[in-house]
């Protein structure tokens, strides 16, 4: 972080962040002084950052949250009933079949997969904070 002046007399500090794909970014800044004192900004809660807007055609999106037992449809996960995954079966070209598969509660969204989402009424992704982050110290996503 680069700052002008010093903290005690009102420095202006700048820090560039890299935000990933998320419905809403929330963050806070924390400074630890040499004497061990920690100061947070804001003192409670978070700063709300940018939102990700869906494109007018189709979007390739995924969910990095612990939702695998939630049985979310495309409407619940992405705000669009027009949500599809791309499936490929078989290993040889003779038996390989590739097709789009509709996402529903019986064929739900899982972490680690990418989905094609077509926009409908909603222009942003829904906030899925109620599902929480993966809390295990090590967690593996099966990427497809």
Protein backbone atom coordinates (compact mmCIF):
# COMPACT_ATOMS: atom_id res chain seq x y z
CA UNK A 1 0.00 0.00 0.00
CA UNK A 2 1.36 3.42 -0.87
CA UNK A 3 0.59 6.35 1.41
CA UNK A 4 1.35 10.04 1.53
CA UNK A 5 2.12 11.68 4.91
CA UNK A 6 1.67 9.52 8.02
CA UNK A 7 -1.36 7.75 9.52
CA UNK A 8 -1.41 9.99 12.61
CA UNK A 9 -2.02 13.17 10.60
CA UNK A 10 -4.43 11.80 8.00
CA UNK A 11 -2.55 10.05 5.25
CA UNK A 12 -4.22 9.09 1.98
CA UNK A 13 -3.41 5.48 1.12
CA UNK A 14 -4.03 3.62 -2.12
CA UNK A 15 -4.13 -0.10 -2.78
CA UNK A 16 -5.10 -1.85 -6.01
CA UNK A 17 -7.17 -4.99 -5.58
CA UNK A 18 -7.93 -7.76 -8.06
CA UNK A 19 -11.53 -8.83 -7.77
CA UNK A 20 -12.70 -12.19 -9.06
CA UNK A 21 -16.11 -13.21 -10.33
CA UNK A 22 -18.61 -12.73 -7.53
CA UNK A 23 -22.08 -11.29 -7.30
CA UNK A 24 -20.98 -8.64 -4.80
CA UNK A 25 -17.51 -8.00 -3.43
CA UNK A 26 -17.20 -7.09 0.24
CA UNK A 27 -13.90 -6.22 1.85
CA UNK A 28 -12.20 -4.27 4.61
CA UNK A 29 -8.72 -2.90 5.24
CA UNK A 30 -6.67 -3.76 8.29
CA UNK A 31 -3.43 -2.08 9.42
CA UNK A 32 -1.13 -3.54 12.07
CA UNK A 33 1.25 -1.06 13.71
CA UNK A 34 4.71 -1.91 15.01
CA UNK A 35 3.39 -1.91 18.61
CA UNK A 36 0.82 -4.61 17.70
CA UNK A 37 -2.20 -2.28 17.53
CA UNK A 38 -4.65 -3.26 14.77
CA UNK A 39 -6.90 -0.70 13.08
CA UNK A 40 -9.68 -1.73 10.68
CA UNK A 41 -11.57 0.32 8.13
CA UNK A 42 -14.46 0.34 8.37
CA UNK A 43 -14.43 -0.36 12.12
CA UNK A 44 -17.35 -2.80 11.70
CA UNK A 45 -18.81 -4.51 8.66
CA UNK A 46 -17.50 -4.32 5.12
CA UNK A 47 -17.06 -1.98 2.18
CA UNK A 48 -19.31 -3.05 -0.70
CA UNK A 49 -17.36 -3.24 -3.94
CA UNK A 50 -18.27 -3.72 -7.56
CA UNK A 51 -20.91 -6.08 -8.91
CA UNK A 52 -20.62 -8.36 -11.91
CA UNK A 53 -23.20 -7.61 -14.62
CA UNK A 54 -24.39 -10.36 -16.93
CA UNK A 55 -23.85 -9.90 -20.66
CA UNK A 56 -26.81 -9.60 -22.99
CA UNK A 57 -26.19 -12.97 -24.67
CA UNK A 58 -24.82 -15.92 -22.71
CA UNK A 59 -22.40 -16.00 -19.79
CA UNK A 60 -20.04 -18.71 -18.59
CA UNK A 61 -20.22 -18.71 -14.78
CA UNK A 62 -19.61 -20.94 -11.78
CA UNK A 63 -20.02 -20.91 -7.99
CA UNK A 64 -17.00 -21.21 -5.64
CA UNK A 65 -19.16 -21.79 -2.55
CA UNK A 66 -20.10 -24.86 -0.55
CA UNK A 67 -23.42 -25.55 -2.32
CA UNK A 68 -23.05 -29.20 -3.31
CA UNK A 69 -25.89 -30.45 -1.10
CA UNK A 70 -28.24 -27.52 -1.82
CA UNK A 71 -29.72 -28.89 -5.11
CA UNK A 72 -29.86 -25.43 -6.69
CA UNK A 73 -31.52 -24.95 -10.05
CA UNK A 74 -30.26 -22.35 -12.51
CA UNK A 75 -32.93 -19.92 -11.31
CA UNK A 76 -31.86 -20.24 -7.68
CA UNK A 77 -28.11 -20.19 -8.37
CA UNK A 78 -27.86 -17.65 -11.19
CA UNK A 79 -31.25 -15.96 -11.47
CA UNK A 80 -31.95 -17.53 -14.88
CA UNK A 81 -34.14 -20.49 -15.78
CA UNK A 82 -32.07 -20.77 -18.98
CA UNK A 83 -28.99 -22.41 -17.43
CA UNK A 84 -27.13 -25.29 -19.09
CA UNK A 85 -24.00 -27.39 -18.58
CA UNK A 86 -21.99 -28.90 -21.45
CA UNK A 87 -21.67 -32.67 -21.17
CA UNK A 88 -19.35 -35.02 -22.96
CA UNK A 89 -19.68 -38.80 -22.64
CA UNK A 90 -17.25 -41.47 -23.75
CA UNK A 91 -13.57 -41.20 -24.50
CA UNK A 92 -13.35 -42.23 -28.15
CA UNK A 93 -14.71 -40.12 -30.97
CA UNK A 94 -16.99 -42.98 -32.07
CA UNK A 95 -18.90 -43.14 -28.77
CA UNK A 96 -18.41 -39.54 -27.67
CA UNK A 97 -21.63 -37.56 -27.44
CA UNK A 98 -21.58 -33.90 -26.54
CA UNK A 99 -24.66 -31.92 -25.65
CA UNK A 100 -26.15 -29.21 -23.45
CA UNK A 101 -27.93 -30.43 -20.33
CA UNK A 102 -30.59 -28.33 -18.63
CA UNK A 103 -29.85 -27.46 -14.97
CA UNK A 104 -32.68 -28.16 -12.52
CA UNK A 105 -33.10 -29.23 -8.88
CA UNK A 106 -32.88 -32.85 -10.04
CA UNK A 107 -29.78 -32.03 -12.12
CA UNK A 108 -28.37 -29.28 -9.85
CA UNK A 109 -25.48 -26.83 -9.91
CA UNK A 110 -22.27 -28.08 -8.25
CA UNK A 111 -19.09 -26.26 -7.28
CA UNK A 112 -16.30 -26.44 -9.84
CA UNK A 113 -18.46 -26.64 -12.96
CA UNK A 114 -18.99 -23.90 -15.51
CA UNK A 115 -22.51 -23.09 -16.73
CA UNK A 116 -23.92 -21.22 -19.68
CA UNK A 117 -26.43 -18.72 -18.33
CA UNK A 118 -28.69 -16.73 -20.62
CA UNK A 119 -29.95 -13.44 -19.22
CA UNK A 120 -33.62 -12.97 -18.51
CA UNK A 121 -34.98 -10.24 -16.21
CA UNK A 122 -32.00 -10.10 -13.87
CA UNK A 123 -28.84 -8.20 -14.89
CA UNK A 124 -26.59 -9.26 -12.00
CA UNK A 125 -25.79 -12.56 -10.33
CA UNK A 126 -27.67 -13.24 -7.09
CA UNK A 127 -25.75 -12.99 -3.81
CA UNK A 128 -25.27 -16.50 -2.40
CA UNK A 129 -23.66 -15.46 0.90
CA UNK A 130 -26.12 -17.55 2.91
CA UNK A 131 -24.31 -20.69 1.65
CA UNK A 132 -20.99 -19.48 3.03
CA UNK A 133 -17.47 -20.21 1.96
CA UNK A 134 -15.86 -23.61 2.13
CA UNK A 135 -14.58 -23.82 5.70
CA UNK A 136 -12.27 -26.83 5.44
CA UNK A 137 -8.53 -25.97 5.38
CA UNK A 138 -8.17 -28.04 2.18
CA UNK A 139 -11.01 -28.44 -0.32
CA UNK A 140 -10.87 -29.96 -3.79
CA UNK A 141 -13.07 -28.85 -6.68
CA UNK A 142 -13.64 -31.28 -9.51
CA UNK A 143 -13.27 -29.00 -12.52
CA UNK A 144 -15.35 -29.84 -15.59
